[in-house]
PDB file of all heavy atoms in Angstrom:
ATOM      1  N   ALA A   1       0.921  -1.154  -0.050  1.00  0.00           N
ATOM      2  CA  ALA A   1       0.021   0.027   0.006  1.00  0.00           C
ATOM      3  C   ALA A   1       0.855   1.236   0.009  1.00  0.00           C
ATOM      4  O   ALA A   1       0.588   2.225  -0.763  1.00  0.00           O
ATOM      5  CB  ALA A   1      -0.946  -0.014   1.208  1.00  0.00           C
ATOM      6  N   GLU A   2       1.894   1.227   0.783  1.00  0.00           N
ATOM      7  CA  GLU A   2       2.779   2.428   0.829  1.00  0.00           C
ATOM      8  C   GLU A   2       3.563   2.615  -0.470  1.00  0.00           C
ATOM      9  O   GLU A   2       3.798   3.723  -0.954  1.00  0.00           O
ATOM     10  CB  GLU A   2       3.733   2.310   1.967  1.00  0.00           C
ATOM     11  CG  GLU A   2       3.037   2.455   3.378  1.00  0.00           C
ATOM     12  CD  GLU A   2       3.796   2.208   4.628  1.00  0.00           C
ATOM     13  OE1 GLU A   2       4.962   1.825   4.454  1.00  0.00           O
ATOM     14  OE2 GLU A   2       3.274   2.356   5.684  1.00  0.00           O
ATOM     15  N   CYS A   3       3.993   1.554  -0.995  1.00  0.00           N
ATOM     16  CA  CYS A   3       4.679   1.602  -2.393  1.00  0.00           C
ATOM     17  C   CYS A   3       3.730   2.211  -3.424  1.00  0.00           C
ATOM     18  O   CYS A   3       4.141   2.974  -4.204  1.00  0.00           O
ATOM     19  CB  CYS A   3       5.203   0.245  -2.709  1.00  0.00           C
ATOM     20  SG  CYS A   3       6.181   0.169  -4.268  1.00  0.00           S
ATOM     21  N   ILE A   4       2.457   1.636  -3.484  1.00  0.00           N
ATOM     22  CA  ILE A   4       1.523   2.168  -4.454  1.00  0.00           C
ATOM     23  C   ILE A   4       1.310   3.585  -4.230  1.00  0.00           C
ATOM     24  O   ILE A   4       1.257   4.461  -5.238  1.00  0.00           O
ATOM     25  CB  ILE A   4       0.256   1.371  -4.475  1.00  0.00           C
ATOM     26  CG1 ILE A   4       0.505  -0.133  -4.914  1.00  0.00           C
ATOM     27  CG2 ILE A   4      -0.834   1.979  -5.276  1.00  0.00           C
ATOM     28  CD1 ILE A   4      -0.669  -0.989  -4.594  1.00  0.00           C
ATOM     29  N   ASN A   5       1.201   4.021  -3.038  1.00  0.00           N
ATOM     30  CA  ASN A   5       0.880   5.448  -2.672  1.00  0.00           C
ATOM     31  C   ASN A   5       1.984   6.265  -3.183  1.00  0.00           C
ATOM     32  O   ASN A   5       1.841   7.266  -3.772  1.00  0.00           O
ATOM     33  CB  ASN A   5       0.739   5.578  -1.150  1.00  0.00           C
ATOM     34  CG  ASN A   5       0.346   6.990  -0.886  1.00  0.00           C
ATOM     35  OD1 ASN A   5      -0.785   7.411  -1.284  1.00  0.00           O
ATOM     36  ND2 ASN A   5       1.247   7.621  -0.065  1.00  0.00           N
ATOM     37  N   ARG A   6       3.255   5.896  -2.826  1.00  0.00           N
ATOM     38  CA  ARG A   6       4.465   6.746  -3.263  1.00  0.00           C
ATOM     39  C   ARG A   6       4.530   6.855  -4.720  1.00  0.00           C
ATOM     40  O   ARG A   6       4.728   7.876  -5.340  1.00  0.00           O
ATOM     41  CB  ARG A   6       5.786   6.131  -2.668  1.00  0.00           C
ATOM     42  CG  ARG A   6       5.917   6.455  -1.257  1.00  0.00           C
ATOM     43  CD  ARG A   6       7.346   6.225  -0.775  1.00  0.00           C
ATOM     44  NE  ARG A   6       7.732   4.769  -1.021  1.00  0.00           N
ATOM     45  CZ  ARG A   6       7.501   3.731  -0.254  1.00  0.00           C
ATOM     46  NH1 ARG A   6       6.912   4.033   0.956  1.00  0.00           N
ATOM     47  NH2 ARG A   6       7.980   2.600  -0.410  1.00  0.00           N
ATOM     48  N   LEU A   7       4.319   5.769  -5.449  1.00  0.00           N
ATOM     49  CA  LEU A   7       4.437   5.787  -6.962  1.00  0.00           C
ATOM     50  C   LEU A   7       3.275   6.661  -7.558  1.00  0.00           C
ATOM     51  O   LEU A   7       3.600   7.401  -8.511  1.00  0.00           O
ATOM     52  CB  LEU A   7       4.214   4.325  -7.515  1.00  0.00           C
ATOM     53  CG  LEU A   7       5.566   3.357  -7.275  1.00  0.00           C
ATOM     54  CD1 LEU A   7       5.092   1.958  -7.644  1.00  0.00           C
ATOM     55  CD2 LEU A   7       6.658   3.877  -8.104  1.00  0.00           C
ATOM     56  N   LEU A   8       2.069   6.514  -7.184  1.00  0.00           N
ATOM     57  CA  LEU A   8       1.130   7.402  -7.637  1.00  0.00           C
ATOM     58  C   LEU A   8       1.359   8.830  -7.289  1.00  0.00           C
ATOM     59  O   LEU A   8       1.054   9.741  -8.168  1.00  0.00           O
ATOM     60  CB  LEU A   8      -0.365   6.987  -7.114  1.00  0.00           C
ATOM     61  CG  LEU A   8      -1.011   5.874  -7.860  1.00  0.00           C
ATOM     62  CD1 LEU A   8      -2.372   5.528  -7.091  1.00  0.00           C
ATOM     63  CD2 LEU A   8      -1.241   6.199  -9.263  1.00  0.00           C
ATOM     64  N   ALA A   9       1.791   9.114  -6.165  1.00  0.00           N
ATOM     65  CA  ALA A   9       2.084  10.523  -5.779  1.00  0.00           C
ATOM     66  C   ALA A   9       3.203  11.196  -6.646  1.00  0.00           C
ATOM     67  O   ALA A   9       3.108  12.348  -6.987  1.00  0.00           O
ATOM     68  CB  ALA A   9       2.355  10.601  -4.297  1.00  0.00           C
ATOM     69  N   GLN A  10       4.160  10.366  -6.981  1.00  0.00           N
ATOM     70  CA  GLN A  10       5.337  10.784  -7.813  1.00  0.00           C
ATOM     71  C   GLN A  10       4.846  11.114  -9.277  1.00  0.00           C
ATOM     72  O   GLN A  10       5.331  12.010  -9.800  1.00  0.00           O
ATOM     73  CB  GLN A  10       6.514   9.897  -7.649  1.00  0.00           C
ATOM     74  CG  GLN A  10       7.195   9.973  -6.324  1.00  0.00           C
ATOM     75  CD  GLN A  10       8.194   8.842  -6.246  1.00  0.00           C
ATOM     76  OE1 GLN A  10       8.429   8.004  -7.171  1.00  0.00           O
ATOM     77  NE2 GLN A  10       8.930   8.776  -5.167  1.00  0.00           N
ATOM     78  N   ARG A  11       4.019  10.168  -9.746  1.00  0.00           N
ATOM     79  CA  ARG A  11       3.680  10.245 -11.168  1.00  0.00           C
ATOM     80  C   ARG A  11       2.518  11.218 -11.339  1.00  0.00           C
ATOM     81  O   ARG A  11       2.258  11.639 -12.592  1.00  0.00           O
ATOM     82  CB  ARG A  11       3.302   8.815 -11.654  1.00  0.00           C
ATOM     83  CG  ARG A  11       4.365   7.845 -11.556  1.00  0.00           C
ATOM     84  CD  ARG A  11       3.872   6.502 -12.167  1.00  0.00           C
ATOM     85  NE  ARG A  11       3.347   6.687 -13.480  1.00  0.00           N
ATOM     86  CZ  ARG A  11       3.971   6.331 -14.540  1.00  0.00           C
ATOM     87  NH1 ARG A  11       5.210   5.772 -14.553  1.00  0.00           N
ATOM     88  NH2 ARG A  11       3.458   6.461 -15.774  1.00  0.00           N
ATOM     89  N   ALA A  12       1.750  11.600 -10.347  1.00  0.00           N
ATOM     90  CA  ALA A  12       0.583  12.472 -10.573  1.00  0.00           C
ATOM     91  C   ALA A  12       0.947  13.908 -11.020  1.00  0.00           C
ATOM     92  O   ALA A  12       1.727  14.521 -10.357  1.00  0.00           O
ATOM     93  CB  ALA A  12      -0.266  12.432  -9.332  1.00  0.00           C
ATOM     94  N   LYS A  13       0.483  14.260 -12.113  1.00  0.00           N
ATOM     95  CA  LYS A  13       0.705  15.678 -12.622  1.00  0.00           C
ATOM     96  C   LYS A  13      -0.539  16.505 -12.292  1.00  0.00           C
ATOM     97  O   LYS A  13      -0.497  17.788 -12.489  1.00  0.00           O
ATOM     98  CB  LYS A  13       0.901  15.674 -14.122  1.00  0.00           C
ATOM     99  CG  LYS A  13       2.066  14.699 -14.477  1.00  0.00           C
ATOM    100  CD  LYS A  13       2.886  15.230 -15.658  1.00  0.00           C
ATOM    101  CE  LYS A  13       3.957  14.407 -16.214  1.00  0.00           C
ATOM    102  NZ  LYS A  13       4.737  13.736 -15.323  1.00  0.00           N
ATOM    103  N   SER A  14      -1.589  15.943 -11.796  1.00  0.00           N
ATOM    104  CA  SER A  14      -2.768  16.622 -11.355  1.00  0.00           C
ATOM    105  C   SER A  14      -3.276  16.030 -10.081  1.00  0.00           C
ATOM    106  O   SER A  14      -2.491  15.315  -9.453  1.00  0.00           O
ATOM    107  CB  SER A  14      -3.663  16.599 -12.522  1.00  0.00           C
ATOM    108  OG  SER A  14      -4.180  15.304 -12.723  1.00  0.00           O
ATOM    109  N   ASP A  15      -4.493  16.145  -9.898  1.00  0.00           N
ATOM    110  CA  ASP A  15      -5.156  15.594  -8.709  1.00  0.00           C
ATOM    111  C   ASP A  15      -5.542  14.142  -9.002  1.00  0.00           C
ATOM    112  O   ASP A  15      -6.750  13.712  -8.823  1.00  0.00           O
ATOM    113  CB  ASP A  15      -6.331  16.348  -8.307  1.00  0.00           C
ATOM    114  CG  ASP A  15      -5.919  17.777  -7.835  1.00  0.00           C
ATOM    115  OD1 ASP A  15      -4.888  17.880  -7.313  1.00  0.00           O
ATOM    116  OD2 ASP A  15      -6.884  18.686  -7.780  1.00  0.00           O
ATOM    117  N   MET A  16      -4.604  13.233  -9.377  1.00  0.00           N
ATOM    118  CA  MET A  16      -4.875  11.900  -9.634  1.00  0.00           C
ATOM    119  C   MET A  16      -4.659  11.076  -8.401  1.00  0.00           C
ATOM    120  O   MET A  16      -3.689  11.301  -7.669  1.00  0.00           O
ATOM    121  CB  MET A  16      -3.942  11.345 -10.723  1.00  0.00           C
ATOM    122  CG  MET A  16      -4.269   9.968 -11.103  1.00  0.00           C
ATOM    123  SD  MET A  16      -3.262   9.551 -12.524  1.00  0.00           S
ATOM    124  CE  MET A  16      -2.140   8.243 -11.689  1.00  0.00           C
ATOM    125  N   TYR A  17      -5.717  10.300  -8.013  1.00  0.00           N
ATOM    126  CA  TYR A  17      -5.542   9.371  -6.901  1.00  0.00           C
ATOM    127  C   TYR A  17      -6.440   8.120  -7.176  1.00  0.00           C
ATOM    128  O   TYR A  17      -7.102   8.118  -8.212  1.00  0.00           O
ATOM    129  CB  TYR A  17      -6.025  10.135  -5.631  1.00  0.00           C
ATOM    130  CG  TYR A  17      -7.413  10.515  -5.670  1.00  0.00           C
ATOM    131  CD1 TYR A  17      -8.437   9.588  -5.280  1.00  0.00           C
ATOM    132  CD2 TYR A  17      -7.742  11.771  -5.984  1.00  0.00           C
ATOM    133  CE1 TYR A  17      -9.672  10.104  -5.246  1.00  0.00           C
ATOM    134  CE2 TYR A  17      -9.093  12.198  -6.134  1.00  0.00           C
ATOM    135  CZ  TYR A  17     -10.052  11.411  -5.638  1.00  0.00           C
ATOM    136  OH  TYR A  17     -11.263  11.777  -5.664  1.00  0.00           O
ATOM    137  N   ALA A  18      -6.266   7.190  -6.280  1.00  0.00           N
ATOM    138  CA  ALA A  18      -7.087   6.040  -6.411  1.00  0.00           C
ATOM    139  C   ALA A  18      -7.454   5.481  -5.080  1.00  0.00           C
ATOM    140  O   ALA A  18      -6.974   5.822  -4.081  1.00  0.00           O
ATOM    141  CB  ALA A  18      -6.330   4.849  -7.204  1.00  0.00           C
ATOM    142  N   THR A  19      -8.518   4.579  -5.035  1.00  0.00           N
ATOM    143  CA  THR A  19      -8.862   3.939  -3.802  1.00  0.00           C
ATOM    144  C   THR A  19      -8.262   2.603  -3.796  1.00  0.00           C
ATOM    145  O   THR A  19      -8.002   1.988  -4.858  1.00  0.00           O
ATOM    146  CB  THR A  19     -10.351   3.875  -3.574  1.00  0.00           C
ATOM    147  OG1 THR A  19     -11.010   3.071  -4.666  1.00  0.00           O
ATOM    148  CG2 THR A  19     -11.065   5.276  -3.633  1.00  0.00           C
ATOM    149  N   LEU A  20      -8.105   2.036  -2.558  1.00  0.00           N
ATOM    150  CA  LEU A  20      -7.590   0.734  -2.307  1.00  0.00           C
ATOM    151  C   LEU A  20      -8.333   0.020  -1.356  1.00  0.00           C
ATOM    152  O   LEU A  20      -8.653   0.559  -0.383  1.00  0.00           O
ATOM    153  CB  LEU A  20      -6.032   0.786  -1.927  1.00  0.00           C
ATOM    154  CG  LEU A  20      -5.500  -0.584  -1.616  1.00  0.00           C
ATOM    155  CD1 LEU A  20      -5.247  -1.382  -2.772  1.00  0.00           C
ATOM    156  CD2 LEU A  20      -4.091  -0.381  -0.902  1.00  0.00           C
ATOM    157  N   ASP A  21      -8.813  -1.226  -1.705  1.00  0.00           N
ATOM    158  CA  ASP A  21      -9.605  -1.983  -0.806  1.00  0.00           C
ATOM    159  C   ASP A  21      -9.116  -3.360  -0.779  1.00  0.00           C
ATOM    160  O   ASP A  21      -9.211  -4.123  -1.794  1.00  0.00           O
ATOM    161  CB  ASP A  21     -11.072  -1.933  -1.280  1.00  0.00           C
ATOM    162  CG  ASP A  21     -12.120  -2.318  -0.247  1.00  0.00           C
ATOM    163  OD1 ASP A  21     -11.850  -2.991   0.756  1.00  0.00           O
ATOM    164  OD2 ASP A  21     -13.319  -2.028  -0.569  1.00  0.00           O
ATOM    165  N   ALA A  22      -8.605  -3.790   0.269  1.00  0.00           N
ATOM    166  CA  ALA A  22      -7.940  -5.153   0.343  1.00  0.00           C
ATOM    167  C   ALA A  22      -8.192  -5.765   1.694  1.00  0.00           C
ATOM    168  O   ALA A  22      -8.419  -5.097   2.688  1.00  0.00           O
ATOM    169  CB  ALA A  22      -6.395  -5.063   0.116  1.00  0.00           C
ATOM    170  N   ILE A  23      -8.271  -7.109   1.701  1.00  0.00           N
ATOM    171  CA  ILE A  23      -8.471  -7.916   2.892  1.00  0.00           C
ATOM    172  C   ILE A  23      -7.460  -9.070   2.771  1.00  0.00           C
ATOM    173  O   ILE A  23      -7.408  -9.666   1.780  1.00  0.00           O
ATOM    174  CB  ILE A  23      -9.924  -8.278   3.170  1.00  0.00           C
ATOM    175  CG1 ILE A  23      -9.980  -8.881   4.503  1.00  0.00           C
ATOM    176  CG2 ILE A  23     -10.467  -9.016   2.022  1.00  0.00           C
ATOM    177  CD1 ILE A  23     -11.385  -8.957   5.078  1.00  0.00           C
ATOM    178  N   LEU A  24      -6.736  -9.370   3.940  1.00  0.00           N
ATOM    179  CA  LEU A  24      -5.876 -10.539   3.910  1.00  0.00           C
ATOM    180  C   LEU A  24      -6.441 -11.418   5.130  1.00  0.00           C
ATOM    181  O   LEU A  24      -6.342 -10.938   6.279  1.00  0.00           O
ATOM    182  CB  LEU A  24      -4.524 -10.058   4.152  1.00  0.00           C
ATOM    183  CG  LEU A  24      -3.382 -11.140   4.278  1.00  0.00           C
ATOM    184  CD1 LEU A  24      -3.299 -11.863   2.849  1.00  0.00           C
ATOM    185  CD2 LEU A  24      -2.019 -10.482   4.578  1.00  0.00           C
ATOM    186  N   ILE A  25      -6.822 -12.612   4.813  1.00  0.00           N
ATOM    187  CA  ILE A  25      -7.421 -13.467   5.717  1.00  0.00           C
ATOM    188  C   ILE A  25      -6.388 -14.557   6.103  1.00  0.00           C
ATOM    189  O   ILE A  25      -5.877 -15.318   5.165  1.00  0.00           O
ATOM    190  CB  ILE A  25      -8.810 -13.975   5.203  1.00  0.00           C
ATOM    191  CG1 ILE A  25      -9.774 -12.900   4.939  1.00  0.00           C
ATOM    192  CG2 ILE A  25      -9.356 -15.101   6.185  1.00  0.00           C
ATOM    193  CD1 ILE A  25     -11.085 -13.338   4.317  1.00  0.00           C
ATOM    194  N   ASP A  26      -6.288 -14.811   7.338  1.00  0.00           N
ATOM    195  CA  ASP A  26      -5.454 -15.952   7.710  1.00  0.00           C
ATOM    196  C   ASP A  26      -6.488 -17.000   8.230  1.00  0.00           C
ATOM    197  O   ASP A  26      -7.160 -16.989   9.209  1.00  0.00           O
ATOM    198  CB  ASP A  26      -4.599 -15.521   9.094  1.00  0.00           C
ATOM    199  CG  ASP A  26      -3.845 -16.692   9.599  1.00  0.00           C
ATOM    200  OD1 ASP A  26      -3.986 -17.886   9.207  1.00  0.00           O
ATOM    201  OD2 ASP A  26      -2.814 -16.407  10.334  1.00  0.00           O
ATOM    202  N   PRO A  27      -6.538 -18.132   7.329  1.00  0.00           N
ATOM    203  CA  PRO A  27      -7.502 -19.178   7.608  1.00  0.00           C
ATOM    204  C   PRO A  27      -7.274 -19.918   8.945  1.00  0.00           C
ATOM    205  O   PRO A  27      -8.256 -20.578   9.506  1.00  0.00           O
ATOM    206  CB  PRO A  27      -7.508 -20.056   6.360  1.00  0.00           C
ATOM    207  CG  PRO A  27      -6.145 -19.777   5.765  1.00  0.00           C
ATOM    208  CD  PRO A  27      -5.759 -18.316   6.150  1.00  0.00           C
ATOM    209  N   GLU A  28      -6.036 -20.043   9.331  1.00  0.00           N
ATOM    210  CA  GLU A  28      -5.827 -20.787  10.601  1.00  0.00           C
ATOM    211  C   GLU A  28      -6.243 -20.080  11.894  1.00  0.00           C
ATOM    212  O   GLU A  28      -6.881 -20.613  12.719  1.00  0.00           O
ATOM    213  CB  GLU A  28      -4.367 -21.087  10.668  1.00  0.00           C
ATOM    214  CG  GLU A  28      -3.901 -22.072   9.700  1.00  0.00           C
ATOM    215  CD  GLU A  28      -2.301 -22.509   9.950  1.00  0.00           C
ATOM    216  OE1 GLU A  28      -1.867 -22.350  11.011  1.00  0.00           O
ATOM    217  OE2 GLU A  28      -1.798 -22.892   8.896  1.00  0.00           O
ATOM    218  N   SER A  29      -5.969 -18.673  11.956  1.00  0.00           N
ATOM    219  CA  SER A  29      -6.402 -18.066  13.085  1.00  0.00           C
ATOM    220  C   SER A  29      -7.808 -17.359  13.003  1.00  0.00           C
ATOM    221  O   SER A  29      -8.437 -16.900  13.907  1.00  0.00           O
ATOM    222  CB  SER A  29      -5.429 -16.883  13.431  1.00  0.00           C
ATOM    223  OG  SER A  29      -5.405 -15.847  12.459  1.00  0.00           O
ATOM    224  N   GLY A  30      -8.350 -17.139  11.758  1.00  0.00           N
ATOM    225  CA  GLY A  30      -9.598 -16.568  11.494  1.00  0.00           C
ATOM    226  C   GLY A  30      -9.473 -15.050  11.548  1.00  0.00           C
ATOM    227  O   GLY A  30     -10.543 -14.369  11.602  1.00  0.00           O
ATOM    228  N   THR A  31      -8.254 -14.483  11.596  1.00  0.00           N
ATOM    229  CA  THR A  31      -8.164 -13.057  11.655  1.00  0.00           C
ATOM    230  C   THR A  31      -8.039 -12.519  10.225  1.00  0.00           C
ATOM    231  O   THR A  31      -7.635 -13.151   9.229  1.00  0.00           O
ATOM    232  CB  THR A  31      -6.872 -12.532  12.328  1.00  0.00           C
ATOM    233  OG1 THR A  31      -5.644 -13.156  11.687  1.00  0.00           O
ATOM    234  CG2 THR A  31      -6.894 -12.991  13.883  1.00  0.00           C
ATOM    235  N   ALA A  32      -8.566 -11.263  10.123  1.00  0.00           N
ATOM    236  CA  ALA A  32      -8.554 -10.608   8.753  1.00  0.00           C
ATOM    237  C   ALA A  32      -7.950  -9.244   8.878  1.00  0.00           C
ATOM    238  O   ALA A  32      -8.485  -8.461   9.849  1.00  0.00           O
ATOM    239  CB  ALA A  32     -10.018 -10.419   8.254  1.00  0.00           C
ATOM    240  N   SER A  33      -6.938  -8.857   8.151  1.00  0.00           N
ATOM    241  CA  SER A  33      -6.350  -7.615   8.091  1.00  0.00           C
ATOM    242  C   SER A  33      -6.991  -6.821   6.934  1.00  0.00           C
ATOM    243  O   SER A  33      -6.972  -7.266   5.872  1.00  0.00           O
ATOM    244  CB  SER A  33      -4.874  -7.605   7.894  1.00  0.00           C
ATOM    245  OG  SER A  33      -4.294  -8.268   9.019  1.00  0.00           O
ATOM    246  N   VAL A  34      -7.563  -5.615   7.296  1.00  0.00           N
ATOM    247  CA  VAL A  34      -8.407  -4.853   6.235  1.00  0.00           C
ATOM    248  C   VAL A  34      -7.623  -3.598   5.966  1.00  0.00           C
ATOM    249  O   VAL A  34      -7.181  -2.865   6.918  1.00  0.00           O
ATOM    250  CB  VAL A  34      -9.772  -4.544   6.907  1.00  0.00           C
ATOM    251  CG1 VAL A  34     -10.601  -3.700   5.914  1.00  0.00           C
ATOM    252  CG2 VAL A  34     -10.522  -5.811   7.184  1.00  0.00           C
ATOM    253  N   ALA A  35      -7.486  -3.298   4.786  1.00  0.00           N
ATOM    254  CA  ALA A  35      -6.843  -2.015   4.326  1.00  0.00           C
ATOM    255  C   ALA A  35      -7.861  -1.388   3.449  1.00  0.00           C
ATOM    256  O   ALA A  35      -8.376  -1.845   2.422  1.00  0.00           O
ATOM    257  CB  ALA A  35      -5.578  -2.259   3.502  1.00  0.00           C
ATOM    258  N   LYS A  36      -8.285  -0.170   3.731  1.00  0.00           N
ATOM    259  CA  LYS A  36      -9.138   0.674   2.977  1.00  0.00           C
ATOM    260  C   LYS A  36      -8.620   2.068   2.880  1.00  0.00           C
ATOM    261  O   LYS A  36      -8.698   2.785   3.872  1.00  0.00           O
ATOM    262  CB  LYS A  36     -10.610   0.659   3.681  1.00  0.00           C
ATOM    263  CG  LYS A  36     -11.074  -0.767   3.978  1.00  0.00           C
ATOM    264  CD  LYS A  36     -12.415  -0.843   4.459  1.00  0.00           C
ATOM    265  CE  LYS A  36     -13.494  -0.539   3.424  1.00  0.00           C
ATOM    266  NZ  LYS A  36     -13.492  -1.305   2.227  1.00  0.00           N
ATOM    267  N   LEU A  37      -8.184   2.408   1.787  1.00  0.00           N
ATOM    268  CA  LEU A  37      -7.632   3.741   1.580  1.00  0.00           C
ATOM    269  C   LEU A  37      -8.506   4.526   0.673  1.00  0.00           C
ATOM    270  O   LEU A  37      -8.457   4.268  -0.619  1.00  0.00           O
ATOM    271  CB  LEU A  37      -6.192   3.670   1.059  1.00  0.00           C
ATOM    272  CG  LEU A  37      -5.209   3.080   1.973  1.00  0.00           C
ATOM    273  CD1 LEU A  37      -5.036   1.606   2.042  1.00  0.00           C
ATOM    274  CD2 LEU A  37      -3.830   3.742   1.808  1.00  0.00           C
ATOM    275  N   GLY A  38      -9.296   5.308   1.167  1.00  0.00           N
ATOM    276  CA  GLY A  38     -10.222   6.102   0.324  1.00  0.00           C
ATOM    277  C   GLY A  38     -11.431   5.310  -0.112  1.00  0.00           C
ATOM    278  O   GLY A  38     -12.169   5.842  -0.868  1.00  0.00           O
ATOM    279  N   ALA A  39     -11.532   4.164   0.257  1.00  0.00           N
ATOM    280  CA  ALA A  39     -12.672   3.167  -0.019  1.00  0.00           C
ATOM    281  C   ALA A  39     -13.808   3.252   0.877  1.00  0.00           C
ATOM    282  O   ALA A  39     -13.576   3.436   2.108  1.00  0.00           O
ATOM    283  CB  ALA A  39     -12.128   1.684  -0.202  1.00  0.00           C
ATOM    284  N   PRO A  40     -15.034   2.990   0.346  1.00  0.00           N
ATOM    285  CA  PRO A  40     -16.222   3.056   1.308  1.00  0.00           C
ATOM    286  C   PRO A  40     -16.137   1.790   2.165  1.00  0.00           C
ATOM    287  O   PRO A  40     -15.423   0.912   1.870  1.00  0.00           O
ATOM    288  CB  PRO A  40     -17.370   3.029   0.313  1.00  0.00           C
ATOM    289  CG  PRO A  40     -16.781   2.381  -0.969  1.00  0.00           C
ATOM    290  CD  PRO A  40     -15.384   2.841  -1.012  1.00  0.00           C
ATOM    291  N   PRO A  41     -16.888   1.817   3.295  1.00  0.00           N
ATOM    292  CA  PRO A  41     -16.943   0.541   4.154  1.00  0.00           C
ATOM    293  C   PRO A  41     -17.257  -0.698   3.463  1.00  0.00           C
ATOM    294  O   PRO A  41     -18.015  -0.640   2.425  1.00  0.00           O
ATOM    295  CB  PRO A  41     -17.873   1.033   5.178  1.00  0.00           C
ATOM    296  CG  PRO A  41     -18.224   2.362   5.053  1.00  0.00           C
ATOM    297  CD  PRO A  41     -17.928   2.859   3.675  1.00  0.00           C
ATOM    298  N   SER A  42     -16.722  -1.618   3.959  1.00  0.00           N
ATOM    299  CA  SER A  42     -17.184  -3.224   3.608  1.00  0.00           C
ATOM    300  C   SER A  42     -17.903  -3.654   4.800  1.00  0.00           C
ATOM    301  O   SER A  42     -18.032  -3.044   5.878  1.00  0.00           O
ATOM    302  CB  SER A  42     -15.979  -4.009   3.305  1.00  0.00           C
ATOM    303  OG  SER A  42     -15.351  -3.503   2.307  1.00  0.00           O
ATOM    304  N   TYR A  43     -18.614  -4.800   4.636  1.00  0.00           N
ATOM    305  CA  TYR A  43     -19.409  -5.216   5.675  1.00  0.00           C
ATOM    306  C   TYR A  43     -19.222  -6.732   5.972  1.00  0.00           C
ATOM    307  O   TYR A  43     -18.911  -7.475   5.032  1.00  0.00           O
ATOM    308  CB  TYR A  43     -20.897  -4.980   5.488  1.00  0.00           C
ATOM    309  CG  TYR A  43     -21.210  -3.507   5.285  1.00  0.00           C
ATOM    310  CD1 TYR A  43     -21.207  -2.902   4.088  1.00  0.00           C
ATOM    311  CD2 TYR A  43     -21.441  -2.754   6.473  1.00  0.00           C
ATOM    312  CE1 TYR A  43     -21.452  -1.603   4.007  1.00  0.00           C
ATOM    313  CE2 TYR A  43     -21.691  -1.533   6.310  1.00  0.00           C
ATOM    314  CZ  TYR A  43     -21.711  -0.828   5.089  1.00  0.00           C
ATOM    315  OH  TYR A  43     -21.949   0.576   5.033  1.00  0.00           O
TER     316      TYR A  43
END
């Protein structure tokens, strides 16, 4: 996420941005890490 952010910020010549919505699930522990950058809520 931080790499994508830096690349987009460096390449943007105007107000270009994007949203990021990702979830990483560990099936053994049942935990989910959620990344939502500018994205609406998930449920």
